[in-house]
Amino acid sequence: MHKDYYVVDFMIGFVGLCANSFALAIFFTNKELRKTTNYHIISLTIADIFFAVLSSPTTFLTDGDYKMNRRLCLLMCTSLRFFYGATEMYHLVSISTLRFVRIMNPAENGEDSPNVKRFVRVSLGVSWTVPIVFAILPMMSSMGPSSSSYCSFDVDTDEDWVLFLLYIVILPMIILMTFIYAYIYNYVRKRNSRAEVTYDMLKRGAEEMRGVRFYMILAMFSAICWLPLTIYFGLVVFDAIPSADRANRYVLILLVHANAAGNPFLYAFAYADFRKALRRFYQLRIKGQAEVESRESRALRAASPVQ
């Protein structure tokens, strides 16, 4: 691999680690963000940190210069990306499904209702357990003697399993999320256009649409990062492009790695509650607690009557 690839991949991993760690700190230091419906985002942030930490070292160790166990090589070349891709998509599908259920039946699926809490627990368990099983499968496919040899991403990447991940896991989930969000958007728009709609219903509908737009942006960004690699492997399998054309593959893999690094910036850009928490964090931690308290005390003195 070219040295430039290492440098860019390391930079993406470093940005992903810092940005996601900071986003996780925002979630855990702000009570308003620690609500049941945000547990998927918090869990996704943890998965992004995990992938950001491991993506660059695995890239470096699978350049063909290092000897390692065959199954360990498969773990680095195939299973880790398999795990992250499946985890990302299962989290996003869980988010879209929860949003659908809450909008279609808000009376029984409130923020802290038993139904929502139960769904979040189950979906988070599935979002981590099933990808772990998927990640083990490529290593189990090599059940013979685990000989040690040089590990090369170009040679040892199991394209059959990658193709399975892209076309059986990622692509169907992107299509499913597209239908869910399209249905939600159309449903809320029609409901808000009815003549008998009240002001409270319009207000709730506007809040729902803001949430839907944020999760749609998050899903679209993941689709943009993963679909090019999906299309590339499909073209390779059907011999539309030569499999030896590795340069394009490296660019597309960098785009997949950028998915983990870019998610926190989407939270800051498109998630109103996260922006408020970020602004509060800046005021209290960066500008300083003393300055905020001083301004608040001056405002109280100015508002109090003169003795």
C-alpha atoms as a PDB file:
ATOM      1  CA  MET A   1       0.000   0.000   0.000  1.00  0.00           C
ATOM      2  CA  HIS A   2       1.113   3.529  -0.613  1.00  0.00           C
ATOM      3  CA  LYS A   3       2.386   5.564   2.309  1.00  0.00           C
ATOM      4  CA  ASP A   4      -0.236   8.266   1.598  1.00  0.00           C
ATOM      5  CA  TYR A   5      -2.946   5.711   2.307  1.00  0.00           C
ATOM      6  CA  TYR A   6      -1.480   5.067   5.766  1.00  0.00           C
ATOM      7  CA  VAL A   7      -1.306   8.774   6.530  1.00  0.00           C
ATOM      8  CA  VAL A   8      -4.893   9.502   5.447  1.00  0.00           C
ATOM      9  CA  ASP A   9      -6.224   6.420   7.234  1.00  0.00           C
ATOM     10  CA  PHE A  10      -4.412   7.373  10.442  1.00  0.00           C
ATOM     11  CA  MET A  11      -5.798  10.920  10.250  1.00  0.00           C
ATOM     12  CA  ILE A  12      -9.340   9.621   9.745  1.00  0.00           C
ATOM     13  CA  GLY A  13      -8.944   7.238  12.679  1.00  0.00           C
ATOM     14  CA  PHE A  14      -7.520   9.959  14.923  1.00  0.00           C
ATOM     15  CA  VAL A  15     -10.322  12.395  14.062  1.00  0.00           C
ATOM     16  CA  GLY A  16     -12.883   9.627  14.599  1.00  0.00           C
ATOM     17  CA  LEU A  17     -11.448   8.756  18.014  1.00  0.00           C
ATOM     18  CA  CYS A  18     -11.317  12.380  19.220  1.00  0.00           C
ATOM     19  CA  ALA A  19     -14.704  13.425  17.795  1.00  0.00           C
ATOM     20  CA  ASN A  20     -16.589  10.367  19.033  1.00  0.00           C
ATOM     21  CA  SER A  21     -14.946  10.507  22.470  1.00  0.00           C
ATOM     22  CA  PHE A  22     -15.965  14.147  22.756  1.00  0.00           C
ATOM     23  CA  ALA A  23     -19.514  13.338  21.603  1.00  0.00           C
ATOM     24  CA  LEU A  24     -19.717  10.550  24.189  1.00  0.00           C
ATOM     25  CA  ALA A  25     -18.605  12.990  26.888  1.00  0.00           C
ATOM     26  CA  ILE A  26     -21.369  15.399  25.801  1.00  0.00           C
ATOM     27  CA  PHE A  27     -23.982  12.640  26.048  1.00  0.00           C
ATOM     28  CA  PHE A  28     -22.853  11.509  29.494  1.00  0.00           C
ATOM     29  CA  THR A  29     -22.468  15.001  30.994  1.00  0.00           C
ATOM     30  CA  ASN A  30     -25.872  16.260  29.841  1.00  0.00           C
ATOM     31  CA  LYS A  31     -28.957  14.836  31.549  1.00  0.00           C
ATOM     32  CA  GLU A  32     -31.299  15.942  28.765  1.00  0.00           C
ATOM     33  CA  LEU A  33     -29.438  13.744  26.272  1.00  0.00           C
ATOM     34  CA  ARG A  34     -29.420  10.668  28.512  1.00  0.00           C
ATOM     35  CA  LYS A  35     -32.926   9.634  27.523  1.00  0.00           C
ATOM     36  CA  THR A  36     -34.085   6.231  26.374  1.00  0.00           C
ATOM     37  CA  THR A  37     -34.461   7.141  22.715  1.00  0.00           C
ATOM     38  CA  ASN A  38     -30.837   8.349  22.600  1.00  0.00           C
ATOM     39  CA  TYR A  39     -29.348   5.062  23.793  1.00  0.00           C
ATOM     40  CA  HIS A  40     -28.971   3.914  20.183  1.00  0.00           C
ATOM     41  CA  ILE A  41     -26.916   7.015  19.335  1.00  0.00           C
ATOM     42  CA  ILE A  42     -24.750   6.536  22.435  1.00  0.00           C
ATOM     43  CA  SER A  43     -24.221   2.875  21.541  1.00  0.00           C
ATOM     44  CA  LEU A  44     -23.403   3.805  17.931  1.00  0.00           C
ATOM     45  CA  THR A  45     -20.843   6.323  19.190  1.00  0.00           C
ATOM     46  CA  ILE A  46     -19.159   3.582  21.223  1.00  0.00           C
ATOM     47  CA  ALA A  47     -19.028   1.381  18.104  1.00  0.00           C
ATOM     48  CA  ASP A  48     -17.501   4.277  16.142  1.00  0.00           C
ATOM     49  CA  ILE A  49     -14.791   4.692  18.807  1.00  0.00           C
ATOM     50  CA  PHE A  50     -14.047   0.974  18.657  1.00  0.00           C
ATOM     51  CA  PHE A  51     -13.678   1.076  14.876  1.00  0.00           C
ATOM     52  CA  ALA A  52     -11.672   4.322  14.845  1.00  0.00           C
ATOM     53  CA  VAL A  53      -9.146   2.807  17.280  1.00  0.00           C
ATOM     54  CA  LEU A  54      -8.696  -0.430  15.317  1.00  0.00           C
ATOM     55  CA  SER A  55      -8.980   0.674  11.681  1.00  0.00           C
ATOM     56  CA  SER A  56      -5.514   2.245  11.313  1.00  0.00           C
ATOM     57  CA  PRO A  57      -3.494  -0.468  13.149  1.00  0.00           C
ATOM     58  CA  THR A  58      -5.182  -3.227  11.159  1.00  0.00           C
ATOM     59  CA  THR A  59      -4.434  -1.362   7.919  1.00  0.00           C
ATOM     60  CA  PHE A  60      -0.763  -1.147   8.872  1.00  0.00           C
ATOM     61  CA  LEU A  61      -0.486  -4.777  10.006  1.00  0.00           C
ATOM     62  CA  THR A  62      -2.104  -6.214   6.856  1.00  0.00           C
ATOM     63  CA  ASP A  63       0.213  -4.698   4.261  1.00  0.00           C
ATOM     64  CA  GLY A  64       2.005  -8.007   3.627  1.00  0.00           C
ATOM     65  CA  ASP A  65       5.113  -7.367   5.760  1.00  0.00           C
ATOM     66  CA  TYR A  66       4.029  -9.153   8.942  1.00  0.00           C
ATOM     67  CA  LYS A  67       3.588 -12.843   9.691  1.00  0.00           C
ATOM     68  CA  MET A  68       0.529 -13.861  11.671  1.00  0.00           C
ATOM     69  CA  ASN A  69      -1.936 -16.644  12.277  1.00  0.00           C
ATOM     70  CA  ARG A  70      -4.354 -17.217   9.403  1.00  0.00           C
ATOM     71  CA  ARG A  71      -7.460 -16.611  11.509  1.00  0.00           C
ATOM     72  CA  LEU A  72      -5.975 -13.467  13.025  1.00  0.00           C
ATOM     73  CA  CYS A  73      -5.273 -12.239   9.505  1.00  0.00           C
ATOM     74  CA  LEU A  74      -8.882 -12.903   8.498  1.00  0.00           C
ATOM     75  CA  LEU A  75     -10.012 -11.070  11.614  1.00  0.00           C
ATOM     76  CA  MET A  76      -8.093  -7.956  10.572  1.00  0.00           C
ATOM     77  CA  CYS A  77      -8.775  -8.107   6.834  1.00  0.00           C
ATOM     78  CA  THR A  78     -12.441  -9.079   6.857  1.00  0.00           C
ATOM     79  CA  SER A  79     -14.089  -9.616  10.247  1.00  0.00           C
ATOM     80  CA  LEU A  80     -13.513  -6.164  11.776  1.00  0.00           C
ATOM     81  CA  ARG A  81     -15.087  -4.376   8.797  1.00  0.00           C
ATOM     82  CA  PHE A  82     -17.801  -7.032   8.770  1.00  0.00           C
ATOM     83  CA  PHE A  83     -18.517  -6.301  12.432  1.00  0.00           C
ATOM     84  CA  TYR A  84     -18.534  -2.523  12.060  1.00  0.00           C
ATOM     85  CA  GLY A  85     -20.682  -2.489   8.927  1.00  0.00           C
ATOM     86  CA  ALA A  86     -23.295  -4.772  10.474  1.00  0.00           C
ATOM     87  CA  THR A  87     -23.239  -2.867  13.783  1.00  0.00           C
ATOM     88  CA  GLU A  88     -23.705   0.477  12.025  1.00  0.00           C
ATOM     89  CA  MET A  89     -26.654  -0.752   9.974  1.00  0.00           C
ATOM     90  CA  TYR A  90     -28.395  -2.606  12.803  1.00  0.00           C
ATOM     91  CA  HIS A  91     -28.226   0.509  14.976  1.00  0.00           C
ATOM     92  CA  LEU A  92     -29.626   2.709  12.209  1.00  0.00           C
ATOM     93  CA  VAL A  93     -32.437   0.269  11.389  1.00  0.00           C
ATOM     94  CA  SER A  94     -33.301   0.063  15.107  1.00  0.00           C
ATOM     95  CA  ILE A  95     -33.463   3.869  15.255  1.00  0.00           C
ATOM     96  CA  SER A  96     -35.728   4.085  12.192  1.00  0.00           C
ATOM     97  CA  THR A  97     -37.996   1.316  13.512  1.00  0.00           C
ATOM     98  CA  LEU A  98     -38.317   2.988  16.911  1.00  0.00           C
ATOM     99  CA  ARG A  99     -39.104   6.316  15.240  1.00  0.00           C
ATOM    100  CA  PHE A 100     -41.776   4.592  13.120  1.00  0.00           C
ATOM    101  CA  VAL A 101     -43.387   2.888  16.132  1.00  0.00           C
ATOM    102  CA  ARG A 102     -43.443   6.078  18.210  1.00  0.00           C
ATOM    103  CA  ILE A 103     -44.990   8.198  15.454  1.00  0.00           C
ATOM    104  CA  MET A 104     -47.607   5.626  14.489  1.00  0.00           C
ATOM    105  CA  ASN A 105     -48.717   4.962  18.092  1.00  0.00           C
ATOM    106  CA  PRO A 106     -47.524   7.814  20.326  1.00  0.00           C
ATOM    107  CA  ALA A 107     -50.006   7.070  23.132  1.00  0.00           C
ATOM    108  CA  GLU A 108     -48.426   3.698  23.999  1.00  0.00           C
ATOM    109  CA  ASN A 109     -44.843   4.510  22.999  1.00  0.00           C
ATOM    110  CA  GLY A 110     -43.849   7.587  24.946  1.00  0.00           C
ATOM    111  CA  GLU A 111     -40.274   8.543  25.780  1.00  0.00           C
ATOM    112  CA  ASP A 112     -40.015   6.371  28.904  1.00  0.00           C
ATOM    113  CA  SER A 113     -42.850   3.928  28.291  1.00  0.00           C
ATOM    114  CA  PRO A 114     -42.278   0.216  29.039  1.00  0.00           C
ATOM    115  CA  ASN A 115     -42.709  -0.612  25.343  1.00  0.00           C
ATOM    116  CA  VAL A 116     -39.950   1.778  24.288  1.00  0.00           C
ATOM    117  CA  LYS A 117     -37.579   0.655  27.050  1.00  0.00           C
ATOM    118  CA  ARG A 118     -38.146  -2.986  26.140  1.00  0.00           C
ATOM    119  CA  PHE A 119     -37.610  -2.307  22.435  1.00  0.00           C
ATOM    120  CA  VAL A 120     -34.390  -0.380  23.115  1.00  0.00           C
ATOM    121  CA  ARG A 121     -32.974  -3.174  25.301  1.00  0.00           C
ATOM    122  CA  VAL A 122     -33.765  -5.873  22.756  1.00  0.00           C
ATOM    123  CA  SER A 123     -32.626  -3.897  19.709  1.00  0.00           C
ATOM    124  CA  LEU A 124     -29.328  -2.904  21.352  1.00  0.00           C
ATOM    125  CA  GLY A 125     -28.678  -6.527  22.214  1.00  0.00           C
ATOM    126  CA  VAL A 126     -29.364  -7.565  18.627  1.00  0.00           C
ATOM    127  CA  SER A 127     -27.280  -4.679  17.241  1.00  0.00           C
ATOM    128  CA  TRP A 128     -24.190  -6.009  19.037  1.00  0.00           C
ATOM    129  CA  THR A 129     -24.775  -9.772  19.180  1.00  0.00           C
ATOM    130  CA  VAL A 130     -25.645 -10.447  15.546  1.00  0.00           C
ATOM    131  CA  PRO A 131     -22.653  -8.478  14.139  1.00  0.00           C
ATOM    132  CA  ILE A 132     -20.332 -10.408  16.480  1.00  0.00           C
ATOM    133  CA  VAL A 133     -21.685 -13.665  15.027  1.00  0.00           C
ATOM    134  CA  PHE A 134     -21.237 -12.291  11.504  1.00  0.00           C
ATOM    135  CA  ALA A 135     -17.648 -11.311  12.327  1.00  0.00           C
ATOM    136  CA  ILE A 136     -16.815 -14.843  13.541  1.00  0.00           C
ATOM    137  CA  LEU A 137     -18.101 -16.523  10.367  1.00  0.00           C
ATOM    138  CA  PRO A 138     -15.178 -15.553   8.066  1.00  0.00           C
ATOM    139  CA  MET A 139     -12.672 -16.958  10.577  1.00  0.00           C
ATOM    140  CA  MET A 140     -14.672 -20.198  10.925  1.00  0.00           C
ATOM    141  CA  SER A 141     -14.570 -20.627   7.140  1.00  0.00           C
ATOM    142  CA  SER A 142     -10.858 -21.410   7.490  1.00  0.00           C
ATOM    143  CA  MET A 143     -11.082 -24.502   9.678  1.00  0.00           C
ATOM    144  CA  GLY A 144      -7.942 -26.240   8.464  1.00  0.00           C
ATOM    145  CA  PRO A 145      -4.473 -25.914  10.026  1.00  0.00           C
ATOM    146  CA  SER A 146      -3.907 -22.310  11.081  1.00  0.00           C
ATOM    147  CA  SER A 147      -0.562 -21.826   9.396  1.00  0.00           C
ATOM    148  CA  SER A 148       1.387 -18.615   9.884  1.00  0.00           C
ATOM    149  CA  SER A 149       2.226 -16.593   6.811  1.00  0.00           C
ATOM    150  CA  TYR A 150       2.514 -13.024   5.704  1.00  0.00           C
ATOM    151  CA  CYS A 151      -0.823 -11.253   6.026  1.00  0.00           C
ATOM    152  CA  SER A 152      -1.782  -9.126   3.044  1.00  0.00           C
ATOM    153  CA  PHE A 153      -5.028  -7.217   2.703  1.00  0.00           C
ATOM    154  CA  ASP A 154      -4.879  -7.626  -1.085  1.00  0.00           C
ATOM    155  CA  VAL A 155      -4.540 -11.433  -0.886  1.00  0.00           C
ATOM    156  CA  ASP A 156      -6.296 -12.439   2.326  1.00  0.00           C
ATOM    157  CA  THR A 157      -9.465 -10.349   2.203  1.00  0.00           C
ATOM    158  CA  ASP A 158     -12.307 -12.822   1.780  1.00  0.00           C
ATOM    159  CA  GLU A 159     -14.293 -11.150  -0.978  1.00  0.00           C
ATOM    160  CA  ASP A 160     -17.140 -13.679  -0.722  1.00  0.00           C
ATOM    161  CA  TRP A 161     -17.805 -12.684   2.882  1.00  0.00           C
ATOM    162  CA  VAL A 162     -17.426  -9.000   2.104  1.00  0.00           C
ATOM    163  CA  LEU A 163     -19.920  -9.419  -0.716  1.00  0.00           C
ATOM    164  CA  PHE A 164     -22.286 -11.180   1.705  1.00  0.00           C
ATOM    165  CA  LEU A 165     -21.968  -8.282   4.150  1.00  0.00           C
ATOM    166  CA  LEU A 166     -22.575  -5.653   1.489  1.00  0.00           C
ATOM    167  CA  TYR A 167     -25.414  -7.283  -0.447  1.00  0.00           C
ATOM    168  CA  ILE A 168     -27.171  -9.361   2.230  1.00  0.00           C
ATOM    169  CA  VAL A 169     -26.755  -7.057   5.236  1.00  0.00           C
ATOM    170  CA  ILE A 170     -25.970  -3.457   4.274  1.00  0.00           C
ATOM    171  CA  LEU A 171     -27.856  -2.935   1.014  1.00  0.00           C
ATOM    172  CA  PRO A 172     -31.188  -4.444   2.201  1.00  0.00           C
ATOM    173  CA  MET A 173     -31.020  -2.374   5.385  1.00  0.00           C
ATOM    174  CA  ILE A 174     -30.391   0.829   3.438  1.00  0.00           C
ATOM    175  CA  ILE A 175     -33.418   0.034   1.273  1.00  0.00           C
ATOM    176  CA  LEU A 176     -35.516  -0.771   4.370  1.00  0.00           C
ATOM    177  CA  MET A 177     -34.561   2.520   6.051  1.00  0.00           C
ATOM    178  CA  THR A 178     -35.391   4.423   2.858  1.00  0.00           C
ATOM    179  CA  PHE A 179     -38.923   2.978   2.819  1.00  0.00           C
ATOM    180  CA  ILE A 180     -39.434   3.570   6.562  1.00  0.00           C
ATOM    181  CA  TYR A 181     -38.380   7.232   6.460  1.00  0.00           C
ATOM    182  CA  ALA A 182     -40.282   7.878   3.236  1.00  0.00           C
ATOM    183  CA  TYR A 183     -43.436   6.446   4.828  1.00  0.00           C
ATOM    184  CA  ILE A 184     -42.945   8.439   8.057  1.00  0.00           C
ATOM    185  CA  TYR A 185     -42.333  11.669   6.167  1.00  0.00           C
ATOM    186  CA  ASN A 186     -45.423  11.198   3.990  1.00  0.00           C
ATOM    187  CA  TYR A 187     -47.573  10.166   6.993  1.00  0.00           C
ATOM    188  CA  VAL A 188     -46.642  13.183   9.128  1.00  0.00           C
ATOM    189  CA  ARG A 189     -47.016  15.583   6.185  1.00  0.00           C
ATOM    190  CA  LYS A 190     -50.520  14.310   5.423  1.00  0.00           C
ATOM    191  CA  ARG A 191     -51.520  14.368   9.090  1.00  0.00           C
ATOM    192  CA  ASN A 192     -50.383  17.980   9.486  1.00  0.00           C
ATOM    193  CA  SER A 193     -52.354  19.047   6.420  1.00  0.00           C
ATOM    194  CA  ARG A 194     -55.717  17.923   7.790  1.00  0.00           C
ATOM    195  CA  ALA A 195     -58.281  20.626   8.517  1.00  0.00           C
ATOM    196  CA  GLU A 196     -59.048  19.350  12.031  1.00  0.00           C
ATOM    197  CA  VAL A 197     -55.438  19.365  13.183  1.00  0.00           C
ATOM    198  CA  THR A 198     -54.805  21.337  16.395  1.00  0.00           C
ATOM    199  CA  TYR A 199     -51.923  23.625  17.329  1.00  0.00           C
ATOM    200  CA  ASP A 200     -50.519  20.992  19.711  1.00  0.00           C
ATOM    201  CA  MET A 201     -50.620  18.402  16.959  1.00  0.00           C
ATOM    202  CA  LEU A 202     -48.807  20.761  14.587  1.00  0.00           C
ATOM    203  CA  LYS A 203     -46.168  21.466  17.223  1.00  0.00           C
ATOM    204  CA  ARG A 204     -45.659  17.776  17.900  1.00  0.00           C
ATOM    205  CA  GLY A 205     -45.540  17.102  14.166  1.00  0.00           C
ATOM    206  CA  ALA A 206     -42.833  19.746  13.699  1.00  0.00           C
ATOM    207  CA  GLU A 207     -40.756  18.154  16.472  1.00  0.00           C
ATOM    208  CA  GLU A 208     -41.240  14.726  14.921  1.00  0.00           C
ATOM    209  CA  MET A 209     -40.139  16.006  11.511  1.00  0.00           C
ATOM    210  CA  ARG A 210     -36.980  17.529  12.989  1.00  0.00           C
ATOM    211  CA  GLY A 211     -36.126  14.165  14.538  1.00  0.00           C
ATOM    212  CA  VAL A 212     -36.910  12.328  11.313  1.00  0.00           C
ATOM    213  CA  ARG A 213     -34.707  14.711   9.296  1.00  0.00           C
ATOM    214  CA  PHE A 214     -31.764  14.157  11.641  1.00  0.00           C
ATOM    215  CA  TYR A 215     -32.007  10.364  11.474  1.00  0.00           C
ATOM    216  CA  MET A 216     -32.540  10.516   7.705  1.00  0.00           C
ATOM    217  CA  ILE A 217     -29.325  12.530   7.347  1.00  0.00           C
ATOM    218  CA  LEU A 218     -27.499  10.002   9.534  1.00  0.00           C
ATOM    219  CA  ALA A 219     -28.784   7.094   7.426  1.00  0.00           C
ATOM    220  CA  MET A 220     -28.012   8.887   4.144  1.00  0.00           C
ATOM    221  CA  PHE A 221     -24.443   9.581   5.261  1.00  0.00           C
ATOM    222  CA  SER A 222     -23.904   5.894   6.059  1.00  0.00           C
ATOM    223  CA  ALA A 223     -25.384   4.950   2.690  1.00  0.00           C
ATOM    224  CA  ILE A 224     -23.043   7.376   0.904  1.00  0.00           C
ATOM    225  CA  CYS A 225     -20.059   5.853   2.725  1.00  0.00           C
ATOM    226  CA  TRP A 226     -20.988   2.205   2.132  1.00  0.00           C
ATOM    227  CA  LEU A 227     -22.798   2.044  -1.222  1.00  0.00           C
ATOM    228  CA  PRO A 228     -19.740   2.851  -3.408  1.00  0.00           C
ATOM    229  CA  LEU A 229     -17.855  -0.131  -1.932  1.00  0.00           C
ATOM    230  CA  THR A 230     -20.980  -2.265  -2.402  1.00  0.00           C
ATOM    231  CA  ILE A 231     -21.157  -1.320  -6.073  1.00  0.00           C
ATOM    232  CA  TYR A 232     -17.400  -1.831  -6.509  1.00  0.00           C
ATOM    233  CA  PHE A 233     -17.434  -5.420  -5.215  1.00  0.00           C
ATOM    234  CA  GLY A 234     -20.463  -6.183  -7.363  1.00  0.00           C
ATOM    235  CA  LEU A 235     -18.613  -4.969 -10.452  1.00  0.00           C
ATOM    236  CA  VAL A 236     -15.564  -7.040  -9.505  1.00  0.00           C
ATOM    237  CA  VAL A 237     -17.630 -10.221  -9.107  1.00  0.00           C
ATOM    238  CA  PHE A 238     -19.249  -9.722 -12.519  1.00  0.00           C
ATOM    239  CA  ASP A 239     -15.844  -8.918 -14.088  1.00  0.00           C
ATOM    240  CA  ALA A 240     -16.953  -5.436 -15.067  1.00  0.00           C
ATOM    241  CA  ILE A 241     -13.704  -4.083 -13.615  1.00  0.00           C
ATOM    242  CA  PRO A 242     -10.428  -5.892 -12.870  1.00  0.00           C
ATOM    243  CA  SER A 243     -10.048  -7.136  -9.286  1.00  0.00           C
ATOM    244  CA  ALA A 244      -6.395  -6.042  -9.434  1.00  0.00           C
ATOM    245  CA  ASP A 245      -7.475  -2.398  -9.508  1.00  0.00           C
ATOM    246  CA  ARG A 246      -6.618  -1.838  -5.838  1.00  0.00           C
ATOM    247  CA  ALA A 247      -6.299   1.954  -5.877  1.00  0.00           C
ATOM    248  CA  ASN A 248     -10.045   2.449  -6.216  1.00  0.00           C
ATOM    249  CA  ARG A 249     -10.651  -0.070  -3.452  1.00  0.00           C
ATOM    250  CA  TYR A 250      -8.412   1.834  -1.050  1.00  0.00           C
ATOM    251  CA  VAL A 251     -10.265   5.081  -1.706  1.00  0.00           C
ATOM    252  CA  LEU A 252     -13.613   3.382  -1.086  1.00  0.00           C
ATOM    253  CA  ILE A 253     -12.345   1.772   2.131  1.00  0.00           C
ATOM    254  CA  LEU A 254     -11.200   5.186   3.345  1.00  0.00           C
ATOM    255  CA  LEU A 255     -14.738   6.404   2.658  1.00  0.00           C
ATOM    256  CA  VAL A 256     -16.091   3.575   4.850  1.00  0.00           C
ATOM    257  CA  HIS A 257     -13.644   4.531   7.615  1.00  0.00           C
ATOM    258  CA  ALA A 258     -14.818   8.137   7.306  1.00  0.00           C
ATOM    259  CA  ASN A 259     -18.306   7.001   8.317  1.00  0.00           C
ATOM    260  CA  ALA A 260     -17.151   6.543  11.921  1.00  0.00           C
ATOM    261  CA  ALA A 261     -15.304   9.869  11.932  1.00  0.00           C
ATOM    262  CA  GLY A 262     -18.158  11.855  10.383  1.00  0.00           C
ATOM    263  CA  ASN A 263     -21.075  10.805  12.589  1.00  0.00           C
ATOM    264  CA  PRO A 264     -20.234  13.163  15.515  1.00  0.00           C
ATOM    265  CA  PHE A 265     -20.134  16.127  13.148  1.00  0.00           C
ATOM    266  CA  LEU A 266     -23.624  15.195  11.954  1.00  0.00           C
ATOM    267  CA  TYR A 267     -24.812  15.214  15.577  1.00  0.00           C
ATOM    268  CA  ALA A 268     -23.502  18.767  15.936  1.00  0.00           C
ATOM    269  CA  PHE A 269     -24.933  19.837  12.573  1.00  0.00           C
ATOM    270  CA  ALA A 270     -28.380  18.219  12.509  1.00  0.00           C
ATOM    271  CA  TYR A 271     -29.345  17.265  16.087  1.00  0.00           C
ATOM    272  CA  ALA A 272     -30.819  20.294  17.879  1.00  0.00           C
ATOM    273  CA  ASP A 273     -30.610  18.819  21.406  1.00  0.00           C
ATOM    274  CA  PHE A 274     -26.968  17.889  20.882  1.00  0.00           C
ATOM    275  CA  ARG A 275     -26.183  21.416  19.652  1.00  0.00           C
ATOM    276  CA  LYS A 276     -27.747  22.884  22.788  1.00  0.00           C
ATOM    277  CA  ALA A 277     -25.723  20.542  24.982  1.00  0.00           C
ATOM    278  CA  LEU A 278     -22.590  21.390  23.005  1.00  0.00           C
ATOM    279  CA  ARG A 279     -23.225  25.114  23.474  1.00  0.00           C
ATOM    280  CA  ARG A 280     -23.765  24.587  27.195  1.00  0.00           C
ATOM    281  CA  PHE A 281     -20.593  22.515  27.431  1.00  0.00           C
ATOM    282  CA  TYR A 282     -18.655  25.300  25.717  1.00  0.00           C
ATOM    283  CA  GLN A 283     -20.047  27.906  28.084  1.00  0.00           C
ATOM    284  CA  LEU A 284     -19.360  25.922  31.240  1.00  0.00           C
ATOM    285  CA  ARG A 285     -16.135  24.054  30.456  1.00  0.00           C
ATOM    286  CA  ILE A 286     -14.287  26.135  27.857  1.00  0.00           C
ATOM    287  CA  LYS A 287     -15.309  29.698  28.677  1.00  0.00           C
ATOM    288  CA  GLY A 288     -15.239  28.754  32.321  1.00  0.00           C
ATOM    289  CA  GLN A 289     -17.740  28.157  35.049  1.00  0.00           C
ATOM    290  CA  ALA A 290     -16.731  31.334  36.824  1.00  0.00           C
ATOM    291  CA  GLU A 291     -17.562  33.577  33.881  1.00  0.00           C
ATOM    292  CA  VAL A 292     -21.011  32.040  33.443  1.00  0.00           C
ATOM    293  CA  GLU A 293     -21.781  32.302  37.140  1.00  0.00           C
ATOM    294  CA  SER A 294     -20.534  35.900  37.202  1.00  0.00           C
ATOM    295  CA  ARG A 295     -22.809  36.849  34.309  1.00  0.00           C
ATOM    296  CA  GLU A 296     -25.780  35.118  35.899  1.00  0.00           C
ATOM    297  CA  SER A 297     -25.161  36.854  39.249  1.00  0.00           C
ATOM    298  CA  ARG A 298     -24.916  40.255  37.554  1.00  0.00           C
ATOM    299  CA  ALA A 299     -28.211  39.600  35.794  1.00  0.00           C
ATOM    300  CA  LEU A 300     -29.847  38.662  39.108  1.00  0.00           C
ATOM    301  CA  ARG A 301     -28.548  41.802  40.807  1.00  0.00           C
ATOM    302  CA  ALA A 302     -29.785  43.965  37.949  1.00  0.00           C
ATOM    303  CA  ALA A 303     -33.214  42.351  38.134  1.00  0.00           C
ATOM    304  CA  SER A 304     -33.555  42.579  41.916  1.00  0.00           C
ATOM    305  CA  PRO A 305     -35.183  45.733  43.410  1.00  0.00           C
ATOM    306  CA  VAL A 306     -32.889  48.355  44.937  1.00  0.00           C
ATOM    307  CA  GLN A 307     -32.950  48.245  48.757  1.00  0.00           C
END
